[in-house]
Amino acid sequence: QVKLVESGGGLVQPGGSLRLSCAASGSIFSIYAMGWYRQAPGNQRELVARISRVGITNYADSVKGRFTISRDNANNTLYLQMNSLKPEDTAVYYCIQRDYWGQGTQVTVSS
C-alpha cells in the first residue's frame, strides 16, 4: 500500500518562503515520477510541478522561477521549495505518485 504524507504547510506573508515535504512509503520510490498539485477553494486541482524518476522537471507557468521541485531517492522524500509566495498560491498542496495522493497540506499566503 502506497502512503504519501505531506508536511511543511502553514501561514506565510507575501514574498515569503515555505518548503513542503512528501514522505513516501510502500513502493520503490526511485522508479516513479512524482508531482505536486494544488487546489484552491472553488477551483479545480491543478498541476504545480512534476519530476521524473531521473530528475527532469516541469512547472506550471504560474510558478516558474519561484518554485523548485526536488527528490531525495535515498530517503523516499519529495520536496517543493516555494519562494516569493503570492496570495494566489494559497491552496491545499498534494503530493502524487501514479494514482496515489497524499492527504494534503494547507498553504496560506496572507498579510
C-alpha atoms as a PDB file:
ATOM      1  CA  GLN A   1       0.000   0.000   0.000  1.00  0.00           C
ATOM      2  CA  VAL A   2       1.479   3.317  -1.105  1.00  0.00           C
ATOM      3  CA  LYS A   3       1.343   6.055   1.503  1.00  0.00           C
ATOM      4  CA  LEU A   4       2.192   9.699   0.872  1.00  0.00           C
ATOM      5  CA  VAL A   5       2.377  12.144   3.773  1.00  0.00           C
ATOM      6  CA  GLU A   6       2.818  15.861   3.133  1.00  0.00           C
ATOM      7  CA  SER A   7       4.140  18.364   5.640  1.00  0.00           C
ATOM      8  CA  GLY A   8       5.524  21.877   5.795  1.00  0.00           C
ATOM      9  CA  GLY A   9       2.472  23.947   5.022  1.00  0.00           C
ATOM     10  CA  GLY A  10       1.434  26.962   7.028  1.00  0.00           C
ATOM     11  CA  LEU A  11       0.727  30.672   7.041  1.00  0.00           C
ATOM     12  CA  VAL A  12       3.282  32.932   5.394  1.00  0.00           C
ATOM     13  CA  GLN A  13       3.341  36.574   4.351  1.00  0.00           C
ATOM     14  CA  PRO A  14       3.511  37.554   0.669  1.00  0.00           C
ATOM     15  CA  GLY A  15       7.091  37.333  -0.532  1.00  0.00           C
ATOM     16  CA  GLY A  16       7.921  34.636   1.993  1.00  0.00           C
ATOM     17  CA  SER A  17       9.062  31.070   1.535  1.00  0.00           C
ATOM     18  CA  LEU A  18       7.998  27.587   2.545  1.00  0.00           C
ATOM     19  CA  ARG A  19       9.351  24.130   1.856  1.00  0.00           C
ATOM     20  CA  LEU A  20       6.899  21.281   1.519  1.00  0.00           C
ATOM     21  CA  SER A  21       7.914  17.674   2.038  1.00  0.00           C
ATOM     22  CA  CYS A  22       6.235  14.432   0.999  1.00  0.00           C
ATOM     23  CA  ALA A  23       7.350  11.230   2.682  1.00  0.00           C
ATOM     24  CA  ALA A  24       6.575   8.158   0.580  1.00  0.00           C
ATOM     25  CA  SER A  25       6.341   4.536   1.613  1.00  0.00           C
ATOM     26  CA  GLY A  26       5.012   1.276   0.208  1.00  0.00           C
ATOM     27  CA  SER A  27       6.630   1.494  -3.220  1.00  0.00           C
ATOM     28  CA  ILE A  28      10.022   1.719  -4.875  1.00  0.00           C
ATOM     29  CA  PHE A  29      10.210   5.496  -4.717  1.00  0.00           C
ATOM     30  CA  SER A  30      13.092   5.983  -7.146  1.00  0.00           C
ATOM     31  CA  ILE A  31      11.417   4.383 -10.168  1.00  0.00           C
ATOM     32  CA  TYR A  32       8.357   6.630 -10.314  1.00  0.00           C
ATOM     33  CA  ALA A  33       7.728  10.175 -11.383  1.00  0.00           C
ATOM     34  CA  MET A  34       6.347  12.373  -8.613  1.00  0.00           C
ATOM     35  CA  GLY A  35       4.331  15.530  -8.619  1.00  0.00           C
ATOM     36  CA  TRP A  36       2.774  18.336  -6.627  1.00  0.00           C
ATOM     37  CA  TYR A  37      -0.768  19.511  -7.270  1.00  0.00           C
ATOM     38  CA  ARG A  38      -2.755  22.213  -5.538  1.00  0.00           C
ATOM     39  CA  GLN A  39      -6.404  23.086  -5.116  1.00  0.00           C
ATOM     40  CA  ALA A  40      -7.730  26.464  -4.052  1.00  0.00           C
ATOM     41  CA  PRO A  41     -11.314  26.893  -2.803  1.00  0.00           C
ATOM     42  CA  GLY A  42     -13.728  26.844  -5.714  1.00  0.00           C
ATOM     43  CA  ASN A  43     -11.029  25.818  -8.182  1.00  0.00           C
ATOM     44  CA  GLN A  44     -10.075  22.563  -9.828  1.00  0.00           C
ATOM     45  CA  ARG A  45      -6.983  20.731  -8.741  1.00  0.00           C
ATOM     46  CA  GLU A  46      -4.024  21.834 -10.874  1.00  0.00           C
ATOM     47  CA  LEU A  47      -0.525  20.549 -11.516  1.00  0.00           C
ATOM     48  CA  VAL A  48       2.166  22.685  -9.884  1.00  0.00           C
ATOM     49  CA  ALA A  49       5.325  20.740 -10.662  1.00  0.00           C
ATOM     50  CA  ARG A  50       6.459  17.306 -11.731  1.00  0.00           C
ATOM     51  CA  ILE A  51       9.777  15.478 -11.528  1.00  0.00           C
ATOM     52  CA  SER A  52      10.666  12.355 -13.469  1.00  0.00           C
ATOM     53  CA  ARG A  53      12.492   9.406 -11.965  1.00  0.00           C
ATOM     54  CA  VAL A  54      15.731  10.792 -13.442  1.00  0.00           C
ATOM     55  CA  GLY A  55      15.143  14.333 -12.241  1.00  0.00           C
ATOM     56  CA  ILE A  56      13.637  16.073 -15.259  1.00  0.00           C
ATOM     57  CA  THR A  57      11.312  18.796 -14.012  1.00  0.00           C
ATOM     58  CA  ASN A  58       8.247  20.593 -15.347  1.00  0.00           C
ATOM     59  CA  TYR A  59       6.407  23.539 -13.818  1.00  0.00           C
ATOM     60  CA  ALA A  60       3.151  25.362 -14.212  1.00  0.00           C
ATOM     61  CA  ASP A  61       3.732  28.764 -15.812  1.00  0.00           C
ATOM     62  CA  SER A  62       2.368  30.454 -12.701  1.00  0.00           C
ATOM     63  CA  VAL A  63       5.190  29.105 -10.502  1.00  0.00           C
ATOM     64  CA  LYS A  64       8.164  29.032 -12.877  1.00  0.00           C
ATOM     65  CA  GLY A  65      11.163  30.789 -11.402  1.00  0.00           C
ATOM     66  CA  ARG A  66       9.658  30.757  -7.904  1.00  0.00           C
ATOM     67  CA  PHE A  67       9.141  27.079  -7.046  1.00  0.00           C
ATOM     68  CA  THR A  68      11.632  24.223  -7.200  1.00  0.00           C
ATOM     69  CA  ILE A  69      10.717  20.551  -7.067  1.00  0.00           C
ATOM     70  CA  SER A  70      13.320  18.026  -5.989  1.00  0.00           C
ATOM     71  CA  ARG A  71      13.555  14.475  -4.753  1.00  0.00           C
ATOM     72  CA  ASP A  72      15.749  12.513  -2.356  1.00  0.00           C
ATOM     73  CA  ASN A  73      15.575   8.917  -3.514  1.00  0.00           C
ATOM     74  CA  ALA A  74      17.723   7.688  -0.622  1.00  0.00           C
ATOM     75  CA  ASN A  75      15.126   8.936   1.863  1.00  0.00           C
ATOM     76  CA  ASN A  76      11.982   8.437  -0.248  1.00  0.00           C
ATOM     77  CA  THR A  77      11.106  12.119   0.037  1.00  0.00           C
ATOM     78  CA  LEU A  78       9.786  14.675  -2.414  1.00  0.00           C
ATOM     79  CA  TYR A  79      10.205  18.422  -1.834  1.00  0.00           C
ATOM     80  CA  LEU A  80       8.731  21.650  -3.098  1.00  0.00           C
ATOM     81  CA  GLN A  81      10.676  24.809  -2.297  1.00  0.00           C
ATOM     82  CA  MET A  82       8.362  27.787  -2.692  1.00  0.00           C
ATOM     83  CA  ASN A  83       9.833  31.283  -2.798  1.00  0.00           C
ATOM     84  CA  SER A  84       8.333  34.710  -3.467  1.00  0.00           C
ATOM     85  CA  LEU A  85       4.944  33.425  -2.426  1.00  0.00           C
ATOM     86  CA  LYS A  86       1.830  35.277  -3.543  1.00  0.00           C
ATOM     87  CA  PRO A  87      -1.710  35.287  -2.145  1.00  0.00           C
ATOM     88  CA  GLU A  88      -2.830  33.380  -5.229  1.00  0.00           C
ATOM     89  CA  ASP A  89      -0.579  30.490  -4.173  1.00  0.00           C
ATOM     90  CA  THR A  90      -2.973  29.852  -1.289  1.00  0.00           C
ATOM     91  CA  ALA A  91      -4.278  26.307  -1.654  1.00  0.00           C
ATOM     92  CA  VAL A  92      -4.092  22.778  -0.327  1.00  0.00           C
ATOM     93  CA  TYR A  93      -0.989  21.169  -1.806  1.00  0.00           C
ATOM     94  CA  TYR A  94      -0.985  17.464  -2.617  1.00  0.00           C
ATOM     95  CA  CYS A  95       1.777  15.019  -3.405  1.00  0.00           C
ATOM     96  CA  ILE A  96       1.069  12.403  -6.080  1.00  0.00           C
ATOM     97  CA  GLN A  97       2.676   9.205  -7.297  1.00  0.00           C
ATOM     98  CA  ARG A  98       0.834   7.359 -10.073  1.00  0.00           C
ATOM     99  CA  ASP A  99      -2.790   7.273  -8.839  1.00  0.00           C
ATOM    100  CA  TYR A 100      -1.892   7.714  -5.185  1.00  0.00           C
ATOM    101  CA  TRP A 101      -2.481  11.005  -3.381  1.00  0.00           C
ATOM    102  CA  GLY A 102      -1.478  12.328  -0.015  1.00  0.00           C
ATOM    103  CA  GLN A 103      -3.907  13.994   2.372  1.00  0.00           C
ATOM    104  CA  GLY A 104      -2.675  17.463   1.503  1.00  0.00           C
ATOM    105  CA  THR A 105      -1.105  20.335   3.414  1.00  0.00           C
ATOM    106  CA  GLN A 106      -2.591  23.824   3.616  1.00  0.00           C
ATOM    107  CA  VAL A 107      -0.558  26.791   2.396  1.00  0.00           C
ATOM    108  CA  THR A 108      -1.940  30.230   3.156  1.00  0.00           C
ATOM    109  CA  VAL A 109      -0.243  33.370   1.879  1.00  0.00           C
ATOM    110  CA  SER A 110      -1.627  36.434   3.583  1.00  0.00           C
ATOM    111  CA  SER A 111      -0.526  39.572   5.369  1.00  0.00           C
END
